[in-house]
Amino acid sequence: MKRVSHMDTSQVVVEMKDIVKKFGDFTANDHIQLKVHKGEVHAILGENGAGKSTMMNVLSGLYKPTSGQIYMNGKPVNFHSPKEASDMGIGMVHQHFMLIRPFTVLDNIILGIEPVKGVVIDKKTAREKIEELSKRYNMSIDLDAKIEDISVGMQQRVEILKVLYRGADILILDEPTASLTPQEIEGLMEIIEHLTADGKSVILITHKLKEITASSDSCTIIRAGKYIDTVKVDEVDESALAALMVGRDVNFKVEKEDHDAGEIVLEVKDLHAKDYRGVEILKGLNLNVRKGEIVGLAGVDGNGQIELVEILTGLRKADSGEVKILGKDVFNKTAKETFDAGISSIPADRQKHGLVLEFSNENNMILQHFEEAPFAKNGFLDRKAIREHATELMEKFDVRPRHAVGNPSGTLSGGNQQKVIIAREITNDKELLIAVNPTRGLDVGAIEFVHKYLVEQRNKDRAVLLVSFELDEIINLSDRIEVIFEGLIRGSVSEEEIKANKADEKELGFLMAGGKR
C-alpha cells in the first residue's frame, strides 16, 4: 500500500544548488541538485560509488563543498562541522555506524549531549526520554547492552534513536534498511510515517527500488557523481528507476539452470550454543548443504543464524554437536582451520569481520594467502604479483574507482567494500561458500552481478549457504530453503516446491514467525 504523503510543496526546507565536491583530482560530486520539501520523503538513488554518501556528507556538515551552495528555508548556510548542521536540525544516520563498541546503547545515544544534574550525568532522565522514543516508534532495545554484543540490526536502531534523541527536523538515512529484517523495515517505515506526519523531512538513500516506490514522494538520481533527474515516484516504476540509475536495462530475474545436487558438503547435527548473554540460542540445530546447490537460510534476525555462521567460520564456540565438511570434523576449530578445511565466507559485518579497513584493497584481497605463492617469495611479499591480482579482481568484480587498488579499503563506498570481499571469497573457491546478506548495500546492477557469481559457484559443484534477510533473494536464488526459528530449523521448502512457485514471502513469513506447515 502506498503511504499517505505529508509533503508540503509550498515549503522547501533544504536545497543543494550546483554542489561540487573534489578530493584532489577526483570529482565525487559534479554539480549536484537537490530540493526537499517539508514533510517529504525524498529518495536518493545511484550506483555504488556514484557519490550519494559524499553528497549527504556535504549536506550534514562532514565535508565542505568545493563549490555550490546549500540553502535552508530559503537562506544560504555554510556548515563547518556536523555539529553546526545538527544545530540547524539536520541529522544523519550513516551507513556504517558511528558507535563506540565497548560502550552501552544508552551511553552511545547520549554521547556528547549528556543531561546533567549538578556535576553528575543524569542517566535516569536520559533513559526515560529514550524509552519514550523507543516505545513511540516501536524500537525496543536493551539500553544496557554493549554495542559489541548486539546485532547489526540492533546497532542500526541505536543510530536512528541517536538522531531522534537530538531532535532533528531533517533526517538523512544512508542505507538504513540494508541490515534490517522485513519486520524491522516495516517498523522503520512506521517511524518515517510518524516523522513526516509531524512535519519532519526524510532523505532516504537506498538501493531497494521497492522501498522507494512504497515509501517516497520524490527520487533524485545521480550517476557517476552527476545529477541525472528528479522524478515523482508515483509516476515511475522500478524498471524505469533502475534504468535511470545504471544507464541500461536491468534483469531482475536470476538466470539459473537446473543442476543436480551431489554429496553432502556441510553437515551440522544437534548443534547447541549460547548467545552473548549466555542464553541458549541454538537448541539442537540440524542442517546440511550439498555440492551444486544453494541452500537459503531464512529467519528473523536473532533466531541463531548469525551464531551458526560464526561457529561454522571459527569465530564462536558451540557447546555441543557435530559440524563436518566432506566428512571431516571441524567442530569448534579456529577460523584458519575452518578455512583450510574448505569454508569461505562473506560475513554479516563487512567492516568488523570482512576487511581490515586500514589495509589497502590489494592487501585485503590476499588476507588468507599472504604467505603463499605467488604473493610471497622467501618470506617477502611480492608486491607486483599482489597488485596484478588485485587489479584483475577489481576489473572483474567492478570495484570502483579502479585506481583505488593501493588505497585503504576504508576509503571505498560501502557497496564497493562489499565487492572487495565477494571478489576475494569467490576467488578462494572453497568447497563451501557461506554468504551472509551478500548484497547488503549494493545497487540493482551490482546485485545482478553478485547473484550471477553465486549461481556460478553452485554450477561449479560448490556448496553455497545463503543467509539473507532479503526474502526475494532467498526465493530467487535458493534450490532449497530452510527456515530457522528460535535456534531450530522449523520448516523447509523443497526444490520442487520452489520450482512450482510455492515459496512466497507470505509462506516464509509464516514459518519465520514459528508457524507450522
Protein backbone atom coordinates (compact mmCIF):
# COMPACT_ATOMS: atom_id res chain seq x y z
CA MET A 1 0.00 0.00 0.00
CA LYS A 2 1.33 3.44 -0.94
CA ARG A 3 1.99 5.65 2.07
CA VAL A 4 -0.05 8.77 2.66
CA SER A 5 2.03 11.75 1.55
CA HIS A 6 2.61 14.53 4.09
CA MET A 7 4.64 16.69 1.69
CA ASP A 8 4.02 20.43 1.80
CA THR A 9 5.05 21.58 -1.69
CA SER A 10 4.88 25.24 -0.64
CA GLN A 11 7.84 24.95 1.74
CA VAL A 12 11.34 23.94 0.63
CA VAL A 13 13.27 23.08 3.80
CA VAL A 14 16.64 22.30 2.23
CA GLU A 15 18.15 22.82 -1.19
CA MET A 16 21.54 21.96 -2.72
CA LYS A 17 22.48 24.03 -5.79
CA ASP A 18 25.35 23.11 -8.11
CA ILE A 19 27.28 21.27 -5.38
CA VAL A 20 30.77 20.20 -6.46
CA LYS A 21 32.99 18.14 -4.15
CA LYS A 22 36.52 17.22 -5.18
CA PHE A 23 39.12 15.05 -3.45
CA GLY A 24 42.36 16.07 -5.13
CA ASP A 25 41.84 15.48 -8.84
CA PHE A 26 38.85 13.20 -8.26
CA THR A 27 35.39 14.78 -8.58
CA ALA A 28 32.97 12.85 -6.36
CA ASN A 29 30.04 15.28 -6.85
CA ASP A 30 29.74 17.20 -10.11
CA HIS A 31 27.06 19.95 -9.94
CA ILE A 32 24.55 18.10 -7.79
CA GLN A 33 21.00 19.46 -7.37
CA LEU A 34 18.52 18.58 -4.60
CA LYS A 35 15.30 20.14 -3.34
CA VAL A 36 13.46 18.70 -0.31
CA HIS A 37 10.07 19.89 0.98
CA LYS A 38 8.56 19.91 4.46
CA GLY A 39 7.04 16.51 5.32
CA GLU A 40 8.59 14.85 2.26
CA VAL A 41 10.34 11.51 1.92
CA HIS A 42 12.94 12.16 -0.78
CA ALA A 43 14.94 9.18 -2.05
CA ILE A 44 18.49 9.47 -3.41
CA LEU A 45 19.25 6.73 -5.94
CA GLY A 46 22.59 5.87 -7.53
CA GLU A 47 25.06 3.06 -8.10
CA ASN A 48 27.72 2.14 -5.55
CA GLY A 49 30.34 4.87 -5.67
CA ALA A 50 28.05 7.27 -7.57
CA GLY A 51 28.59 9.91 -4.89
CA LYS A 52 25.40 9.61 -2.79
CA SER A 53 27.14 9.38 0.58
CA THR A 54 29.56 12.19 -0.36
CA MET A 55 26.57 14.34 -1.29
CA MET A 56 24.93 13.67 2.09
CA ASN A 57 28.21 14.17 3.97
CA VAL A 58 28.32 17.64 2.42
CA LEU A 59 24.74 18.31 3.49
CA SER A 60 25.39 17.07 7.05
CA GLY A 61 28.49 19.24 7.52
CA LEU A 62 31.06 16.44 7.45
CA TYR A 63 32.55 17.73 4.18
CA LYS A 64 32.82 21.32 2.96
CA PRO A 65 31.74 21.67 -0.70
CA THR A 66 34.39 22.69 -3.24
CA SER A 67 31.75 24.95 -4.80
CA GLY A 68 27.98 25.41 -4.81
CA GLN A 69 25.55 26.49 -2.11
CA ILE A 70 23.22 24.89 0.45
CA TYR A 71 20.00 26.68 1.45
CA MET A 72 17.76 26.01 4.44
CA ASN A 73 14.28 27.53 4.34
CA GLY A 74 15.50 29.73 1.50
CA LYS A 75 18.53 31.14 3.34
CA PRO A 76 22.13 30.26 2.40
CA VAL A 77 24.04 28.28 5.04
CA ASN A 78 27.66 27.19 5.36
CA PHE A 79 28.38 24.30 7.70
CA HIS A 80 31.87 23.93 9.11
CA SER A 81 31.10 20.81 11.15
CA PRO A 82 28.40 18.16 11.68
CA LYS A 83 27.51 19.92 14.94
CA GLU A 84 26.61 23.11 13.06
CA ALA A 85 24.39 21.08 10.72
CA SER A 86 22.87 19.26 13.71
CA ASP A 87 22.17 22.56 15.45
CA MET A 88 20.29 23.63 12.30
CA GLY A 89 18.15 20.47 12.50
CA ILE A 90 19.96 18.09 10.12
CA GLY A 91 20.73 14.63 11.49
CA MET A 92 22.47 11.87 9.55
CA VAL A 93 22.37 8.14 10.20
CA HIS A 94 25.47 6.84 8.44
CA GLN A 95 25.57 3.56 6.54
CA HIS A 96 28.48 2.39 8.68
CA PHE A 97 27.67 3.09 12.25
CA MET A 98 29.41 5.81 14.27
CA LEU A 99 29.24 3.84 17.52
CA ILE A 100 31.75 3.15 20.30
CA ARG A 101 31.67 -0.63 20.57
CA PRO A 102 32.64 -1.12 24.26
CA PHE A 103 30.03 1.48 25.40
CA THR A 104 26.42 0.66 26.21
CA VAL A 105 23.50 1.55 23.96
CA LEU A 106 22.42 4.29 26.39
CA ASP A 107 25.89 5.85 26.58
CA ASN A 108 26.17 5.88 22.77
CA ILE A 109 22.84 7.63 22.30
CA ILE A 110 23.54 10.45 24.78
CA LEU A 111 27.25 10.83 23.98
CA GLY A 112 28.17 14.50 23.64
CA ILE A 113 24.84 15.84 24.92
CA GLU A 114 24.61 14.09 28.28
CA PRO A 115 22.00 15.64 30.59
CA VAL A 116 23.48 16.63 33.95
CA LYS A 117 22.14 17.15 37.43
CA GLY A 118 24.72 19.22 39.24
CA VAL A 119 28.05 17.68 38.26
CA VAL A 120 26.65 14.18 37.66
CA ILE A 121 25.30 12.79 34.36
CA ASP A 122 21.54 12.38 34.76
CA LYS A 123 21.13 8.98 33.12
CA LYS A 124 17.68 8.49 34.65
CA THR A 125 16.24 11.42 32.68
CA ALA A 126 18.06 10.31 29.53
CA ARG A 127 16.80 6.75 29.94
CA GLU A 128 13.21 7.92 30.33
CA LYS A 129 13.41 10.07 27.19
CA ILE A 130 14.98 7.27 25.12
CA GLU A 131 12.50 4.70 26.40
CA GLU A 132 9.65 7.04 25.42
CA LEU A 133 11.12 7.41 21.91
CA SER A 134 11.73 3.68 21.71
CA LYS A 135 8.17 2.88 22.71
CA ARG A 136 6.64 5.56 20.47
CA TYR A 137 8.43 4.27 17.38
CA ASN A 138 8.25 0.57 18.31
CA MET A 139 12.04 0.19 18.55
CA SER A 140 12.54 -1.94 21.64
CA ILE A 141 16.21 -2.32 22.58
CA ASP A 142 18.30 -3.21 25.62
CA LEU A 143 19.78 0.13 26.70
CA ASP A 144 22.33 -1.61 28.95
CA ALA A 145 23.73 -3.94 26.26
CA LYS A 146 27.17 -3.13 24.84
CA ILE A 147 27.30 -2.26 21.15
CA GLU A 148 29.87 -5.01 20.51
CA ASP A 149 27.38 -7.60 21.76
CA ILE A 150 24.32 -6.68 19.69
CA SER A 151 23.37 -7.47 16.10
CA VAL A 152 23.86 -5.19 13.12
CA GLY A 153 20.09 -4.58 13.05
CA MET A 154 20.09 -3.50 16.68
CA GLN A 155 23.06 -1.20 16.06
CA GLN A 156 21.03 0.45 13.29
CA ARG A 157 18.25 1.14 15.79
CA VAL A 158 20.75 2.81 18.11
CA GLU A 159 21.85 5.13 15.30
CA ILE A 160 18.26 6.07 14.48
CA LEU A 161 17.49 6.68 18.16
CA LYS A 162 20.60 8.88 18.41
CA VAL A 163 19.22 11.18 15.71
CA LEU A 164 15.71 11.17 17.17
CA TYR A 165 17.13 11.96 20.62
CA ARG A 166 18.81 15.06 19.17
CA GLY A 167 15.51 16.26 17.68
CA ALA A 168 16.45 16.61 14.00
CA ASP A 169 13.85 18.09 11.63
CA ILE A 170 15.61 16.72 8.53
CA LEU A 171 16.80 13.12 8.81
CA ILE A 172 19.29 11.69 6.34
CA LEU A 173 19.09 7.90 6.39
CA ASP A 174 22.02 6.36 4.47
CA GLU A 175 21.04 2.78 3.54
CA PRO A 176 19.02 2.45 6.78
CA THR A 177 17.39 -0.86 5.86
CA ALA A 178 20.46 -2.59 4.42
CA SER A 179 20.86 -4.77 7.52
CA LEU A 180 17.27 -4.92 8.75
CA THR A 181 14.79 -7.80 8.63
CA PRO A 182 11.49 -7.36 6.78
CA GLN A 183 9.74 -6.83 10.11
CA GLU A 184 12.28 -4.19 11.17
CA ILE A 185 11.90 -2.47 7.79
CA GLU A 186 8.14 -2.24 8.37
CA GLY A 187 8.90 -0.69 11.76
CA LEU A 188 11.24 1.84 10.16
CA MET A 189 8.59 2.79 7.62
CA GLU A 190 6.21 3.42 10.53
CA ILE A 191 8.84 5.69 12.10
CA ILE A 192 9.18 7.59 8.82
CA GLU A 193 5.39 7.90 8.66
CA HIS A 194 5.28 9.41 12.19
CA LEU A 195 8.16 11.77 11.44
CA THR A 196 6.70 13.14 8.21
CA ALA A 197 3.25 13.45 9.77
CA ASP A 198 4.90 15.71 12.35
CA GLY A 199 6.30 17.88 9.55
CA LYS A 200 9.80 16.44 9.58
CA SER A 201 11.52 15.59 6.27
CA VAL A 202 13.39 12.39 5.48
CA ILE A 203 16.13 11.95 2.87
CA LEU A 204 16.37 8.23 2.15
CA ILE A 205 19.44 6.77 0.46
CA THR A 206 18.57 3.26 -0.65
CA HIS A 207 19.19 0.78 -3.45
CA LYS A 208 15.93 -1.03 -2.76
CA LEU A 209 13.59 0.06 -5.51
CA LYS A 210 10.56 -1.46 -3.77
CA GLU A 211 11.22 0.74 -0.75
CA ILE A 212 11.43 3.85 -2.92
CA THR A 213 8.14 3.11 -4.68
CA ALA A 214 6.46 2.21 -1.37
CA SER A 215 7.77 4.99 0.85
CA SER A 216 8.99 8.02 -1.10
CA ASP A 217 7.37 11.06 -2.65
CA SER A 218 10.26 12.04 -4.92
CA CYS A 219 13.52 10.49 -6.10
CA THR A 220 16.71 12.19 -7.24
CA ILE A 221 19.00 10.01 -9.38
CA ILE A 222 22.75 10.55 -9.67
CA ARG A 223 25.17 8.62 -11.86
CA ALA A 224 29.00 8.80 -11.73
CA GLY A 225 28.74 11.86 -9.50
CA LYS A 226 26.47 13.80 -11.84
CA TYR A 227 22.84 14.83 -11.35
CA ILE A 228 20.58 12.89 -13.74
CA ASP A 229 16.97 13.72 -12.84
CA THR A 230 14.37 14.16 -10.10
CA VAL A 231 11.12 12.23 -10.59
CA LYS A 232 7.80 11.89 -8.81
CA VAL A 233 7.79 8.34 -7.54
CA ASP A 234 4.14 7.65 -8.30
CA GLU A 235 4.84 8.41 -11.98
CA VAL A 236 7.60 5.78 -12.49
CA ASP A 237 8.07 2.06 -11.94
CA GLU A 238 11.03 0.04 -10.63
CA SER A 239 12.37 -0.78 -14.09
CA ALA A 240 12.44 2.88 -15.06
CA LEU A 241 14.26 3.82 -11.84
CA ALA A 242 16.81 1.04 -12.35
CA ALA A 243 17.49 2.12 -15.93
CA LEU A 244 17.94 5.76 -14.84
CA MET A 245 20.38 4.66 -12.16
CA VAL A 246 22.70 2.38 -14.17
CA GLY A 247 22.09 3.71 -17.68
CA ARG A 248 20.87 0.37 -19.03
CA ASP A 249 18.03 -2.12 -18.60
CA VAL A 250 18.46 -4.41 -15.59
CA ASN A 251 17.40 -8.06 -15.46
CA PHE A 252 15.61 -8.62 -12.14
CA LYS A 253 15.22 -12.37 -12.66
CA VAL A 254 18.04 -14.67 -11.56
CA GLU A 255 19.17 -16.82 -14.50
CA LYS A 256 19.56 -20.32 -13.05
CA GLU A 257 19.53 -23.60 -14.96
CA ASP A 258 18.64 -26.95 -13.39
CA HIS A 259 21.58 -28.54 -11.60
CA ASP A 260 21.64 -31.79 -9.67
CA ALA A 261 22.94 -31.65 -6.11
CA GLY A 262 25.73 -34.08 -5.18
CA GLU A 263 27.21 -35.38 -1.96
CA ILE A 264 26.82 -33.60 1.39
CA VAL A 265 29.50 -30.94 1.91
CA LEU A 266 28.31 -29.35 5.16
CA GLU A 267 26.68 -31.48 7.84
CA VAL A 268 25.50 -29.95 11.12
CA LYS A 269 23.97 -32.24 13.76
CA ASP A 270 22.32 -31.41 17.10
CA LEU A 271 24.19 -28.10 17.48
CA HIS A 272 23.81 -26.27 20.79
CA ALA A 273 25.26 -22.81 21.54
CA LYS A 274 24.70 -19.73 23.68
CA ASP A 275 24.49 -16.07 22.64
CA TYR A 276 26.46 -13.16 24.15
CA ARG A 277 24.17 -13.12 27.21
CA GLY A 278 24.80 -16.78 27.96
CA VAL A 279 21.29 -17.72 26.84
CA GLU A 280 20.89 -20.82 24.65
CA ILE A 281 20.35 -19.61 21.08
CA LEU A 282 20.93 -22.84 19.08
CA LYS A 283 18.90 -25.67 20.55
CA GLY A 284 19.86 -28.79 18.63
CA LEU A 285 20.01 -27.45 15.09
CA ASN A 286 20.38 -29.83 12.13
CA LEU A 287 21.35 -28.67 8.64
CA ASN A 288 23.13 -29.92 5.54
CA VAL A 289 24.25 -28.41 2.25
CA ARG A 290 25.22 -30.49 -0.79
CA LYS A 291 27.54 -29.97 -3.71
CA GLY A 292 25.95 -28.00 -6.50
CA GLU A 293 23.12 -26.42 -4.52
CA ILE A 294 22.29 -23.10 -2.89
CA VAL A 295 20.53 -23.56 0.44
CA GLY A 296 18.78 -20.43 1.65
CA LEU A 297 18.54 -19.95 5.42
CA ALA A 298 15.60 -17.66 6.15
CA GLY A 299 14.75 -16.24 9.54
CA VAL A 300 14.10 -13.13 11.57
CA ASP A 301 17.31 -11.65 12.97
CA GLY A 302 18.09 -13.01 16.44
CA ASN A 303 16.99 -16.60 15.90
CA GLY A 304 20.50 -18.05 15.82
CA GLN A 305 21.57 -17.73 12.20
CA ILE A 306 24.44 -15.33 12.90
CA GLU A 307 25.69 -17.50 15.78
CA LEU A 308 25.53 -20.52 13.47
CA VAL A 309 27.65 -18.75 10.84
CA GLU A 310 30.19 -17.63 13.45
CA ILE A 311 30.51 -21.22 14.72
CA LEU A 312 30.96 -22.55 11.18
CA THR A 313 33.66 -19.97 10.44
CA GLY A 314 35.57 -20.37 13.71
CA LEU A 315 34.57 -17.06 15.28
CA ARG A 316 32.49 -18.57 18.10
CA LYS A 317 32.47 -21.80 20.11
CA ALA A 318 29.46 -24.09 20.36
CA ASP A 319 28.56 -26.09 23.47
CA SER A 320 27.93 -29.42 21.76
CA GLY A 321 27.03 -31.07 18.48
CA GLU A 322 28.73 -32.07 15.23
CA VAL A 323 30.00 -29.98 12.30
CA LYS A 324 31.61 -31.75 9.33
CA ILE A 325 32.95 -30.65 5.94
CA LEU A 326 33.01 -33.57 3.47
CA GLY A 327 33.05 -35.89 6.48
CA LYS A 328 35.94 -34.10 8.22
CA ASP A 329 35.32 -32.86 11.77
CA VAL A 330 35.53 -29.05 12.05
CA PHE A 331 33.59 -28.63 15.29
CA ASN A 332 34.95 -25.67 17.29
CA LYS A 333 38.02 -25.30 15.07
CA THR A 334 39.78 -21.95 14.61
CA ALA A 335 38.99 -19.57 11.75
CA LYS A 336 42.14 -20.66 9.91
CA GLU A 337 41.36 -24.35 10.43
CA THR A 338 37.80 -23.98 9.07
CA PHE A 339 39.14 -22.01 6.09
CA ASP A 340 41.78 -24.66 5.37
CA ALA A 341 39.08 -27.34 5.67
CA GLY A 342 37.13 -25.72 2.83
CA ILE A 343 34.90 -22.94 4.19
CA SER A 344 34.97 -19.38 2.85
CA SER A 345 32.51 -16.71 3.90
CA ILE A 346 31.04 -13.33 3.05
CA PRO A 347 30.43 -12.11 6.62
CA ALA A 348 27.44 -10.25 8.03
CA ASP A 349 29.51 -7.26 9.17
CA ARG A 350 31.91 -6.35 6.38
CA GLN A 351 33.83 -3.84 8.47
CA LYS A 352 34.16 -5.98 11.62
CA HIS A 353 34.85 -9.38 10.07
CA GLY A 354 35.34 -8.82 6.32
CA LEU A 355 38.05 -6.20 5.89
CA VAL A 356 40.96 -4.54 7.61
CA LEU A 357 39.88 -1.01 6.74
CA GLU A 358 43.38 0.44 7.19
CA PHE A 359 44.85 -2.12 4.74
CA SER A 360 44.94 -1.41 1.02
CA ASN A 361 42.43 -3.08 -1.28
CA GLU A 362 45.20 -5.21 -2.79
CA ASN A 363 46.23 -6.46 0.67
CA ASN A 364 42.63 -7.16 1.70
CA MET A 365 42.25 -9.35 -1.38
CA ILE A 366 45.02 -11.72 -0.23
CA LEU A 367 44.34 -11.77 3.53
CA GLN A 368 44.21 -15.57 3.74
CA HIS A 369 47.07 -16.15 1.28
CA PHE A 370 49.75 -13.55 2.05
CA GLU A 371 52.27 -16.26 2.99
CA GLU A 372 51.69 -18.29 -0.16
CA ALA A 373 52.95 -18.19 -3.74
CA PRO A 374 52.62 -16.21 -5.94
CA PHE A 375 52.09 -13.46 -3.34
CA ALA A 376 55.18 -14.29 -1.27
CA LYS A 377 58.70 -15.49 -2.10
CA ASN A 378 61.28 -16.49 0.51
CA GLY A 379 59.30 -14.81 3.29
CA PHE A 380 58.85 -11.50 1.41
CA LEU A 381 55.69 -10.13 -0.21
CA ASP A 382 55.75 -9.91 -4.00
CA ARG A 383 54.14 -6.50 -4.44
CA LYS A 384 53.96 -6.83 -8.24
CA ALA A 385 52.05 -10.12 -8.09
CA ILE A 386 49.73 -8.78 -5.39
CA ARG A 387 48.91 -5.66 -7.41
CA GLU A 388 48.32 -7.63 -10.62
CA HIS A 389 45.97 -9.98 -8.75
CA ALA A 390 44.02 -7.10 -7.19
CA THR A 391 43.83 -5.12 -10.44
CA GLU A 392 42.39 -8.15 -12.22
CA LEU A 393 39.78 -8.74 -9.49
CA MET A 394 38.77 -5.08 -9.31
CA GLU A 395 38.14 -5.14 -13.04
CA LYS A 396 36.30 -8.46 -12.97
CA PHE A 397 34.11 -7.59 -9.99
CA ASP A 398 33.59 -3.94 -10.96
CA VAL A 399 35.14 -2.40 -7.84
CA ARG A 400 35.09 1.38 -8.19
CA PRO A 401 37.14 3.53 -8.52
CA ARG A 402 39.60 1.31 -10.41
CA HIS A 403 42.61 3.45 -9.48
CA ALA A 404 41.99 2.75 -5.76
CA VAL A 405 43.85 -0.60 -5.84
CA GLY A 406 46.52 0.68 -3.43
CA ASN A 407 44.18 2.83 -1.32
CA PRO A 408 42.83 1.77 2.11
CA SER A 409 39.59 -0.20 1.84
CA GLY A 410 38.05 2.21 4.34
CA THR A 411 38.05 4.91 1.63
CA LEU A 412 35.67 2.93 -0.61
CA SER A 413 31.87 3.25 -0.53
CA GLY A 414 30.11 0.52 1.43
CA GLY A 415 28.95 -1.28 -1.70
CA ASN A 416 32.44 -1.36 -3.15
CA GLN A 417 33.85 -2.67 0.15
CA GLN A 418 31.34 -5.50 -0.23
CA LYS A 419 32.58 -6.18 -3.77
CA VAL A 420 36.18 -6.48 -2.49
CA ILE A 421 35.07 -9.18 -0.02
CA ILE A 422 32.98 -11.01 -2.62
CA ALA A 423 35.85 -10.93 -5.13
CA ARG A 424 38.23 -12.41 -2.54
CA GLU A 425 35.92 -15.10 -1.18
CA ILE A 426 34.60 -16.33 -4.53
CA THR A 427 38.16 -16.44 -5.88
CA ASN A 428 39.14 -18.57 -2.86
CA ASP A 429 36.94 -21.26 -4.50
CA LYS A 430 36.37 -23.37 -1.38
CA GLU A 431 34.05 -26.37 -1.06
CA LEU A 432 31.50 -24.31 0.89
CA LEU A 433 30.74 -20.62 0.46
CA ILE A 434 28.71 -19.04 3.26
CA ALA A 435 27.16 -15.80 2.04
CA VAL A 436 25.55 -13.63 4.74
CA ASN A 437 23.47 -10.78 3.29
CA PRO A 438 25.87 -10.73 0.30
CA THR A 439 24.08 -7.89 -1.50
CA ARG A 440 23.69 -5.64 1.53
CA GLY A 441 24.13 -2.05 0.36
CA LEU A 442 24.53 -2.96 -3.32
CA ASP A 443 22.65 -1.34 -6.18
CA VAL A 444 20.47 -3.41 -8.53
CA GLY A 445 23.19 -3.66 -11.17
CA ALA A 446 25.70 -4.98 -8.63
CA ILE A 447 23.08 -7.34 -7.12
CA GLU A 448 22.52 -8.86 -10.57
CA PHE A 449 26.29 -9.31 -10.81
CA VAL A 450 26.70 -10.96 -7.35
CA HIS A 451 23.79 -13.32 -7.93
CA LYS A 452 25.43 -14.45 -11.17
CA TYR A 453 28.63 -15.35 -9.30
CA LEU A 454 26.79 -17.22 -6.53
CA VAL A 455 24.98 -19.30 -9.16
CA GLU A 456 28.32 -19.83 -10.91
CA GLN A 457 29.74 -21.30 -7.68
CA ARG A 458 26.78 -23.66 -7.46
CA ASN A 459 27.22 -24.66 -11.11
CA LYS A 460 30.88 -25.49 -10.37
CA ASP A 461 29.59 -28.06 -7.82
CA ARG A 462 30.41 -25.86 -4.84
CA ALA A 463 28.01 -25.80 -1.89
CA VAL A 464 26.50 -22.39 -1.06
CA LEU A 465 24.77 -21.49 2.20
CA LEU A 466 22.89 -18.22 1.69
CA VAL A 467 21.84 -16.41 4.86
CA SER A 468 19.79 -13.37 3.93
CA PHE A 469 17.08 -11.13 5.34
CA GLU A 470 16.00 -10.35 1.77
CA LEU A 471 13.22 -12.85 1.13
CA ASP A 472 13.22 -12.03 -2.60
CA GLU A 473 16.88 -13.01 -2.69
CA ILE A 474 16.26 -16.24 -0.76
CA ILE A 475 13.37 -17.24 -3.04
CA ASN A 476 15.07 -16.33 -6.33
CA LEU A 477 18.49 -17.85 -5.61
CA SER A 478 17.85 -20.92 -3.45
CA ASP A 479 17.50 -24.50 -4.64
CA ARG A 480 16.20 -25.37 -1.17
CA ILE A 481 15.05 -23.13 1.71
CA GLU A 482 15.42 -23.89 5.42
CA VAL A 483 13.65 -21.66 7.94
CA ILE A 484 15.26 -21.04 11.34
CA PHE A 485 13.17 -20.07 14.35
CA GLU A 486 14.32 -19.96 17.98
CA GLY A 487 17.51 -21.87 17.21
CA LEU A 488 15.99 -24.75 15.26
CA ILE A 489 15.07 -25.49 11.65
CA ARG A 490 11.29 -25.29 11.84
CA GLY A 491 10.34 -25.61 8.21
CA SER A 492 11.71 -26.42 4.75
CA VAL A 493 10.75 -25.58 1.19
CA SER A 494 11.96 -28.18 -1.28
CA GLU A 495 13.43 -27.61 -4.72
CA GLU A 496 10.24 -28.96 -6.29
CA GLU A 497 8.10 -26.51 -4.31
CA ILE A 498 10.35 -23.59 -5.30
CA LYS A 499 10.10 -24.56 -8.98
CA ALA A 500 6.32 -24.78 -8.61
CA ASN A 501 6.31 -21.21 -7.19
CA LYS A 502 5.02 -22.46 -3.83
CA ALA A 503 7.62 -20.41 -1.94
CA ASP A 504 6.41 -16.87 -1.39
CA GLU A 505 7.07 -14.16 1.19
CA LYS A 506 3.78 -14.83 2.97
CA GLU A 507 4.53 -18.54 3.39
CA LEU A 508 8.11 -17.90 4.52
CA GLY A 509 6.98 -15.12 6.86
CA PHE A 510 4.53 -17.55 8.48
CA LEU A 511 7.30 -20.11 9.04
CA MET A 512 9.74 -17.42 10.23
CA ALA A 513 7.22 -16.43 12.90
CA GLY A 514 7.14 -20.02 14.21
CA GLY A 515 4.16 -21.29 12.24
CA LYS A 516 3.98 -24.93 11.18
CA ARG A 517 3.12 -26.10 7.68
